[in-house]
């Protein structure tokens, strides 16, 4: 019994660490998305300015009163690049580079998320094996939600079943915060002893299943 309790404790710590990592990774993704959107906006603006400058007619060459003597020719003024055009081109190049770096970071984040998800699945399978015989209690579907969004927490609650009981708290620690600043609800559809039931909890409520 002590060995099983120790294994369950270790897996609980591992799951908590993964949950925290996923929360931080989710916030990083949101920040990357905001930065990417801002960069694209600046890039479009700079590109429009560059195109507008390129559509402008060339400035007429300044007139000169210095004509050469017999056999000579009219002196042509040296062409000079438009400083504003050069500035816009430099800005566009810089924005493109930032955009590429952001996309690279996003790809790394997606790979990290996939690795963590695979590790979480492996931990879940090992934890269920450690629990021994199949439980009569099964979480069919669980949603942690607000009026605008929701998180599927079915696996997270199923993993917390011990024997024929589930004890947990309806909170952001289940999988994260689906909508910051809003009060969440948790709806659980479960099966116990062949009977299917549905219970709803508010954020902060203690979950005890099967309901007494």
Protein backbone atom coordinates (compact mmCIF):
# COMPACT_ATOMS: atom_id res chain seq x y z
CA UNK A 1 0.00 0.00 0.00
CA UNK A 2 2.82 2.36 0.88
CA UNK A 3 4.46 1.69 -2.48
CA UNK A 4 1.25 2.43 -4.37
CA UNK A 5 0.71 5.59 -2.35
CA UNK A 6 4.28 6.71 -3.12
CA UNK A 7 3.80 6.01 -6.82
CA UNK A 8 0.54 7.95 -6.83
CA UNK A 9 2.23 10.87 -5.03
CA UNK A 10 5.10 10.93 -7.54
CA UNK A 11 2.69 10.91 -10.47
CA UNK A 12 0.65 13.67 -8.86
CA UNK A 13 3.75 15.85 -8.59
CA UNK A 14 4.67 15.07 -12.20
CA UNK A 15 1.18 15.97 -13.40
CA UNK A 16 1.22 19.23 -11.42
CA UNK A 17 4.58 20.18 -12.94
CA UNK A 18 3.31 19.43 -16.45
CA UNK A 19 0.13 21.43 -15.80
CA UNK A 20 2.16 24.46 -14.69
CA UNK A 21 4.42 24.12 -17.74
CA UNK A 22 1.43 23.94 -20.08
CA UNK A 23 -0.08 27.04 -18.47
CA UNK A 24 3.16 29.00 -18.94
CA UNK A 25 3.48 27.69 -22.48
CA UNK A 26 -0.10 28.76 -23.25
CA UNK A 27 0.60 32.28 -22.04
CA UNK A 28 3.81 32.37 -24.10
CA UNK A 29 1.80 31.34 -27.19
CA UNK A 30 -0.68 34.13 -26.58
CA UNK A 31 2.14 36.66 -26.27
CA UNK A 32 3.79 35.34 -29.44
CA UNK A 33 0.47 35.66 -31.28
CA UNK A 34 0.08 39.28 -30.15
CA UNK A 35 3.65 40.14 -31.16
CA UNK A 36 3.19 38.40 -34.50
CA UNK A 37 -0.02 40.34 -35.19
CA UNK A 38 1.70 43.63 -34.33
CA UNK A 39 4.67 42.79 -36.57
CA UNK A 40 2.40 41.92 -39.48
CA UNK A 41 0.56 45.21 -39.04
CA UNK A 42 3.81 47.18 -39.08
CA UNK A 43 5.03 45.14 -42.06
CA UNK A 44 1.88 45.85 -44.06
CA UNK A 45 2.08 49.55 -43.22
CA UNK A 46 5.73 49.77 -44.22
CA UNK A 47 5.07 47.80 -47.42
CA UNK A 48 2.25 50.18 -48.38
CA UNK A 49 4.49 53.19 -47.79
CA UNK A 50 7.24 51.60 -49.85
CA UNK A 51 4.86 50.87 -52.72
CA UNK A 52 3.51 54.42 -52.55
CA UNK A 53 7.01 55.87 -52.74
CA UNK A 54 7.85 53.68 -55.71
CA UNK A 55 4.70 54.87 -57.53
CA UNK A 56 5.71 58.54 -57.18
CA UNK A 57 7.21 60.06 -60.36
CA UNK A 58 10.92 60.79 -60.29
CA UNK A 59 11.81 64.31 -59.26
CA UNK A 60 12.69 66.47 -62.26
CA UNK A 61 16.37 67.12 -62.68
CA UNK A 62 17.38 70.59 -61.52
CA UNK A 63 18.07 73.10 -64.28
CA UNK A 64 21.64 74.32 -64.78
CA UNK A 65 22.90 77.55 -66.20
CA UNK A 66 26.42 76.22 -66.68
CA UNK A 67 26.55 75.29 -70.33
CA UNK A 68 29.85 74.12 -71.72
CA UNK A 69 31.72 75.95 -74.39
CA UNK A 70 31.79 74.87 -78.02
CA UNK A 71 31.94 71.10 -78.38
CA UNK A 72 30.84 70.63 -74.77
CA UNK A 73 27.61 69.13 -73.41
CA UNK A 74 25.07 69.88 -70.72
CA UNK A 75 26.29 68.60 -67.34
CA UNK A 76 23.92 65.85 -65.97
CA UNK A 77 23.25 65.96 -62.21
CA UNK A 78 24.29 62.90 -60.20
CA UNK A 79 21.38 60.61 -59.28
CA UNK A 80 20.84 60.22 -55.57
CA UNK A 81 18.72 57.63 -53.72
CA UNK A 82 15.64 58.84 -51.85
CA UNK A 83 16.47 58.69 -48.08
CA UNK A 84 12.82 57.97 -47.19
CA UNK A 85 12.70 55.07 -49.64
CA UNK A 86 15.91 53.62 -48.21
CA UNK A 87 14.53 53.94 -44.69
CA UNK A 88 11.33 52.14 -45.64
CA UNK A 89 13.24 49.33 -47.32
CA UNK A 90 15.42 48.89 -44.25
CA UNK A 91 12.36 48.85 -41.99
CA UNK A 92 10.61 46.26 -44.17
CA UNK A 93 13.71 44.04 -44.10
CA UNK A 94 13.90 44.34 -40.32
CA UNK A 95 10.21 43.49 -39.90
CA UNK A 96 10.54 40.47 -42.17
CA UNK A 97 13.44 39.21 -40.08
CA UNK A 98 11.46 39.68 -36.86
CA UNK A 99 8.50 37.85 -38.41
CA UNK A 100 10.72 34.90 -39.37
CA UNK A 101 12.14 34.75 -35.84
CA UNK A 102 8.63 34.80 -34.37
CA UNK A 103 7.50 31.98 -36.66
CA UNK A 104 10.56 29.95 -35.67
CA UNK A 105 9.76 30.47 -31.99
CA UNK A 106 6.15 29.44 -32.61
CA UNK A 107 7.29 26.20 -34.25
CA UNK A 108 9.55 25.45 -31.26
CA UNK A 109 6.60 26.08 -28.92
CA UNK A 110 4.36 23.71 -30.87
CA UNK A 111 7.02 21.00 -30.74
CA UNK A 112 7.38 21.50 -26.99
CA UNK A 113 3.63 21.23 -26.55
CA UNK A 114 3.54 17.98 -28.53
CA UNK A 115 6.37 16.53 -26.43
CA UNK A 116 4.62 17.44 -23.18
CA UNK A 117 1.32 16.02 -24.41
CA UNK A 118 2.97 12.71 -25.29
CA UNK A 119 4.65 12.61 -21.90
CA UNK A 120 1.34 13.38 -20.19
CA UNK A 121 -0.36 10.50 -22.02
CA UNK A 122 2.41 8.11 -20.99
CA UNK A 123 2.15 9.23 -17.36
CA UNK A 124 -1.62 8.81 -17.48
CA UNK A 125 -1.33 5.25 -18.79
CA UNK A 126 1.24 4.35 -16.12
CA UNK A 127 -0.90 5.91 -13.37
CA UNK A 128 -3.96 3.95 -14.43
CA UNK A 129 -1.94 0.74 -14.45
CA UNK A 130 -0.70 1.51 -10.93
CA UNK A 131 -4.26 1.96 -9.70
CA UNK A 132 -4.84 -1.73 -10.25
CA UNK A 133 -8.26 -3.15 -10.95
CA UNK A 134 -10.76 -1.19 -13.04
CA UNK A 135 -12.99 1.19 -11.09
CA UNK A 136 -16.78 1.19 -11.26
CA UNK A 137 -16.54 4.99 -11.62
CA UNK A 138 -15.88 6.43 -15.08
CA UNK A 139 -15.80 10.07 -16.15
CA UNK A 140 -17.53 10.16 -19.54
CA UNK A 141 -17.19 13.88 -20.21
CA UNK A 142 -16.11 16.88 -18.14
CA UNK A 143 -16.15 20.53 -19.24
CA UNK A 144 -14.64 23.46 -17.29
CA UNK A 145 -16.37 26.43 -18.88
CA UNK A 146 -17.67 29.99 -19.04
CA UNK A 147 -20.33 31.51 -21.29
CA UNK A 148 -17.70 32.13 -23.97
CA UNK A 149 -15.26 29.20 -23.86
CA UNK A 150 -14.51 25.86 -22.25
CA UNK A 151 -11.79 23.32 -21.50
CA UNK A 152 -12.16 19.56 -21.79
CA UNK A 153 -10.93 18.14 -18.47
CA UNK A 154 -12.23 14.60 -18.89
CA UNK A 155 -8.81 12.93 -18.78
CA UNK A 156 -7.64 15.12 -15.89
CA UNK A 157 -10.57 14.03 -13.70
CA UNK A 158 -10.42 10.41 -14.83
CA UNK A 159 -6.80 10.31 -13.67
CA UNK A 160 -7.82 11.40 -10.18
CA UNK A 161 -10.14 8.46 -9.60
CA UNK A 162 -8.93 6.29 -6.73
CA UNK A 163 -10.75 3.04 -6.35
CA UNK A 164 -14.43 3.88 -6.82
CA UNK A 165 -14.16 7.52 -5.76
CA UNK A 166 -13.17 10.87 -7.20
CA UNK A 167 -12.17 13.79 -5.01
CA UNK A 168 -10.94 17.05 -6.52
CA UNK A 169 -11.63 20.79 -6.63
CA UNK A 170 -13.20 22.74 -9.46
CA UNK A 171 -10.38 25.18 -10.14
CA UNK A 172 -7.87 26.35 -12.72
CA UNK A 173 -5.45 23.71 -11.39
CA UNK A 174 -7.33 21.07 -13.35
CA UNK A 175 -5.95 22.19 -16.71
CA UNK A 176 -5.69 25.98 -16.79
CA UNK A 177 -7.85 29.10 -16.91
CA UNK A 178 -10.25 29.06 -19.90
CA UNK A 179 -11.12 32.76 -19.45
CA UNK A 180 -9.23 35.06 -17.10
CA UNK A 181 -11.32 37.07 -14.67
CA UNK A 182 -14.53 35.09 -15.21
CA UNK A 183 -16.22 32.67 -12.80
CA UNK A 184 -16.04 29.16 -14.19
CA UNK A 185 -18.34 26.14 -13.89
CA UNK A 186 -17.53 22.45 -14.10
CA UNK A 187 -20.00 20.01 -15.65
CA UNK A 188 -19.24 16.30 -15.21
CA UNK A 189 -21.04 13.43 -16.89
CA UNK A 190 -20.04 10.15 -15.25
CA UNK A 191 -21.06 6.52 -14.96
CA UNK A 192 -21.14 4.56 -11.71
CA UNK A 193 -22.51 1.08 -11.27
CA UNK A 194 -24.00 1.19 -14.77
CA UNK A 195 -25.95 4.41 -14.07
CA UNK A 196 -25.07 7.63 -15.93
CA UNK A 197 -25.43 10.95 -14.13
CA UNK A 198 -24.48 14.61 -14.62
CA UNK A 199 -23.35 17.00 -11.90
CA UNK A 200 -22.46 20.70 -12.12
CA UNK A 201 -20.09 22.57 -9.82
CA UNK A 202 -18.99 26.20 -9.47
CA UNK A 203 -15.37 27.27 -9.39
CA UNK A 204 -14.01 26.59 -5.91
CA UNK A 205 -16.44 23.75 -5.11
CA UNK A 206 -15.11 20.44 -3.80
CA UNK A 207 -15.94 17.54 -6.14
CA UNK A 208 -16.92 14.23 -4.57
CA UNK A 209 -18.10 11.46 -6.89
CA UNK A 210 -20.18 9.42 -6.85
CA UNK A 211 -22.51 12.00 -5.31
CA UNK A 212 -23.91 10.94 -1.96
